[in-house]
Amino acid sequence: MRKKALLATGLLTIGSLPLGGCPQAIRIPVEFALPASLGAFTVQAGVPIQNDNILTVGDSSLSPSNGTLRIDPSNIIIAGAQGGGKVAIQQQGGTLTISAKIAASEDLATVCETGEEYGPFSVELDSSNQPVSVDPSSVVLSDNAIDLINVGEFALCIEIVSPIDGTVTITALNFSFGL
């Protein structure tokens, strides 16, 4: 049985008022912590793996009119496969690929096949297979995705392809919403 994940909103950042001009757009950065059922992956090199779940937005008063999705390298934890008490020989460096798909909550069963795709995000790994950068740094959410977020509940699918065997955990996704 799947459990719905409640997403807490992050800090509120309000644009400043320039002297003699109009106010800047209000941008609200929000970090959505991911439950293990969505963000924890046991991976094999080169094999795509997907997790999906329904997410509930904790603060329904946001009502963003636009937004972006970003994956922060500091929210990705990678551990190589263990074998006989020793770390298995792994490729050093490479690229981890992450894609996200969003759909209406009632489409959870098909979100990974038919959801609106964001990414792929290419996560560059250093020689210790730790994330150092993500390209693109962010992607713009469609009006449809913003509408689903405004409903307060949506289905999310995350797919990753790792260059090594082991575990990958994505602890959070970062959004920036415009009001």
Protein backbone atom coordinates (compact mmCIF):
# COMPACT_ATOMS: atom_id res chain seq x y z
CA MET A 1 0.00 0.00 0.00
CA ARG A 2 1.39 3.39 -0.94
CA LYS A 3 1.48 6.19 1.54
CA LYS A 4 0.97 9.74 0.43
CA ALA A 5 3.88 12.01 1.11
CA LEU A 6 3.21 15.38 2.69
CA LEU A 7 5.47 18.08 1.32
CA ALA A 8 6.40 20.90 3.62
CA THR A 9 7.11 24.27 2.10
CA GLY A 10 10.43 26.04 2.50
CA LEU A 11 11.42 29.58 3.25
CA LEU A 12 9.59 32.55 1.81
CA THR A 13 11.76 34.92 -0.23
CA ILE A 14 10.20 38.18 -1.28
CA GLY A 15 11.70 40.40 -3.98
CA SER A 16 12.77 43.89 -3.02
CA LEU A 17 11.17 47.12 -4.13
CA PRO A 18 13.57 49.08 -6.31
CA LEU A 19 13.56 52.82 -5.74
CA GLY A 20 11.09 54.56 -8.03
CA GLY A 21 10.04 51.36 -9.80
CA CYS A 22 7.63 48.46 -9.72
CA PRO A 23 8.12 45.55 -7.33
CA GLN A 24 10.04 42.55 -8.61
CA ALA A 25 8.23 39.25 -9.00
CA ILE A 26 7.87 37.29 -5.79
CA ARG A 27 9.80 34.00 -5.97
CA ILE A 28 9.33 31.36 -3.29
CA PRO A 29 12.00 28.64 -3.05
CA VAL A 30 10.51 25.39 -1.78
CA GLU A 31 12.41 22.22 -0.95
CA PHE A 32 10.21 19.11 -1.02
CA ALA A 33 11.67 16.34 1.14
CA LEU A 34 11.13 12.97 -0.53
CA PRO A 35 10.03 9.87 1.39
CA ALA A 36 12.23 6.77 1.00
CA SER A 37 9.48 5.14 -1.09
CA LEU A 38 10.12 7.79 -3.76
CA GLY A 39 13.75 8.83 -3.34
CA ALA A 40 15.66 5.62 -2.47
CA PHE A 41 16.93 3.44 -5.32
CA THR A 42 18.95 0.23 -5.50
CA VAL A 43 20.70 0.56 -8.84
CA GLN A 44 22.61 -1.50 -11.39
CA ALA A 45 24.91 0.30 -13.79
CA GLY A 46 23.07 1.37 -16.94
CA VAL A 47 19.67 -0.03 -15.89
CA PRO A 48 16.81 2.50 -15.57
CA ILE A 49 14.82 2.28 -12.34
CA GLN A 50 11.66 4.16 -11.35
CA ASN A 51 9.82 5.04 -8.14
CA ASP A 52 6.43 6.75 -7.97
CA ASN A 53 4.14 8.13 -5.32
CA ILE A 54 1.42 10.70 -4.67
CA LEU A 55 2.66 13.91 -3.13
CA THR A 56 0.54 16.32 -1.15
CA VAL A 57 1.53 19.97 -0.96
CA GLY A 58 1.58 21.04 2.70
CA ASP A 59 0.75 24.72 2.16
CA SER A 60 -2.24 25.03 -0.15
CA SER A 61 -2.15 28.83 0.12
CA LEU A 62 0.83 29.07 -2.24
CA SER A 63 -1.12 29.17 -5.53
CA PRO A 64 1.93 29.72 -7.77
CA SER A 65 1.40 31.01 -11.29
CA ASN A 66 4.72 29.64 -12.60
CA GLY A 67 7.74 27.74 -11.38
CA THR A 68 10.91 25.78 -11.96
CA LEU A 69 12.24 22.41 -10.81
CA ARG A 70 15.85 21.97 -9.75
CA ILE A 71 17.81 19.01 -8.46
CA ASP A 72 20.55 20.07 -6.04
CA PRO A 73 23.67 17.83 -6.03
CA SER A 74 23.80 18.14 -2.23
CA ASN A 75 20.43 16.29 -2.08
CA ILE A 76 21.87 13.19 -3.80
CA ILE A 77 23.61 10.45 -1.81
CA ILE A 78 25.45 7.69 -3.69
CA ALA A 79 26.98 4.54 -2.22
CA GLY A 80 28.75 1.91 -4.31
CA ALA A 81 27.75 -1.74 -4.09
CA GLN A 82 29.19 -3.71 -1.18
CA GLY A 83 30.62 -7.17 -1.77
CA GLY A 84 32.11 -9.46 0.87
CA GLY A 85 32.80 -6.57 3.23
CA LYS A 86 34.68 -4.66 0.54
CA VAL A 87 33.48 -2.04 -1.88
CA ALA A 88 33.03 -3.68 -5.26
CA ILE A 89 35.25 -2.33 -8.02
CA GLN A 90 33.29 0.47 -9.64
CA GLN A 91 33.71 2.88 -12.49
CA GLN A 92 35.13 6.16 -11.22
CA GLY A 93 33.22 9.26 -12.22
CA GLY A 94 30.61 9.40 -14.93
CA THR A 95 27.09 10.72 -15.16
CA LEU A 96 23.96 9.83 -13.22
CA THR A 97 20.76 10.65 -15.14
CA ILE A 98 17.56 11.73 -13.35
CA SER A 99 14.15 12.44 -14.88
CA ALA A 100 10.92 13.41 -13.16
CA LYS A 101 7.37 12.99 -14.44
CA ILE A 102 4.30 14.73 -13.04
CA ALA A 103 0.64 13.77 -13.53
CA ALA A 104 -2.69 14.09 -11.76
CA SER A 105 -2.90 12.02 -8.57
CA GLU A 106 -5.54 9.75 -10.12
CA ASP A 107 -2.94 8.84 -12.80
CA LEU A 108 -0.46 7.32 -10.33
CA ALA A 109 -0.62 3.91 -12.05
CA THR A 110 0.59 5.44 -15.34
CA VAL A 111 2.63 8.49 -14.26
CA CYS A 112 5.94 6.82 -15.18
CA GLU A 113 4.71 6.11 -18.72
CA THR A 114 2.49 9.09 -19.51
CA GLY A 115 3.40 11.87 -17.05
CA GLU A 116 4.77 15.20 -18.20
CA GLU A 117 8.57 14.76 -18.25
CA TYR A 118 11.13 17.11 -16.73
CA GLY A 119 14.76 16.46 -17.48
CA PRO A 120 16.75 14.48 -18.03
CA PHE A 121 19.08 16.04 -15.50
CA SER A 122 22.71 14.95 -15.97
CA VAL A 123 24.48 14.68 -12.61
CA GLU A 124 28.25 14.80 -13.06
CA LEU A 125 30.09 12.54 -10.59
CA ASP A 126 33.64 13.02 -9.35
CA SER A 127 36.26 10.24 -9.13
CA SER A 128 34.69 9.11 -5.82
CA ASN A 129 31.28 8.86 -7.54
CA GLN A 130 29.87 11.82 -5.62
CA PRO A 131 27.68 14.46 -7.30
CA VAL A 132 29.39 17.73 -8.20
CA SER A 133 27.02 19.42 -10.66
CA VAL A 134 23.65 19.06 -12.38
CA ASP A 135 22.84 20.10 -15.96
CA PRO A 136 20.47 21.72 -16.66
CA SER A 137 20.48 23.60 -13.38
CA SER A 138 16.68 23.96 -13.55
CA VAL A 139 13.72 23.40 -15.87
CA VAL A 140 10.56 25.46 -16.25
CA LEU A 141 7.33 23.78 -15.15
CA SER A 142 4.42 23.81 -17.59
CA ASP A 143 1.11 25.50 -16.78
CA ASN A 144 -0.37 22.00 -16.42
CA ALA A 145 2.19 21.03 -13.74
CA ILE A 146 1.54 24.32 -11.90
CA ASP A 147 -2.21 23.57 -12.00
CA LEU A 148 -1.58 20.10 -10.50
CA ILE A 149 0.54 21.60 -7.73
CA ASN A 150 -2.20 24.16 -7.05
CA VAL A 151 -4.73 21.32 -6.67
CA GLY A 152 -2.59 20.28 -3.70
CA GLU A 153 -1.90 16.68 -4.72
CA PHE A 154 -0.11 15.14 -7.71
CA ALA A 155 1.60 11.95 -8.85
CA LEU A 156 5.37 12.03 -9.25
CA CYS A 157 7.66 9.48 -10.90
CA ILE A 158 11.44 9.67 -10.62
CA GLU A 159 13.64 7.62 -12.96
CA ILE A 160 17.38 7.30 -12.61
CA VAL A 161 20.14 5.60 -14.56
CA SER A 162 23.35 5.16 -12.59
CA PRO A 163 26.84 4.54 -13.96
CA ILE A 164 27.58 2.22 -10.98
CA ASP A 165 25.90 -0.53 -8.94
CA GLY A 166 24.82 0.48 -5.44
CA THR A 167 22.30 2.82 -3.87
CA VAL A 168 21.22 6.31 -4.83
CA THR A 169 19.07 8.43 -2.56
CA ILE A 170 17.48 11.69 -3.64
CA THR A 171 16.50 13.39 -0.39
CA ALA A 172 14.65 16.39 -1.85
CA LEU A 173 13.55 18.23 -4.98
CA ASN A 174 13.84 21.99 -5.16
CA PHE A 175 11.16 24.19 -6.70
CA SER A 176 10.97 27.94 -7.15
CA PHE A 177 7.46 29.31 -7.46
CA GLY A 178 6.37 32.67 -8.78
CA LEU A 179 3.31 34.38 -7.39
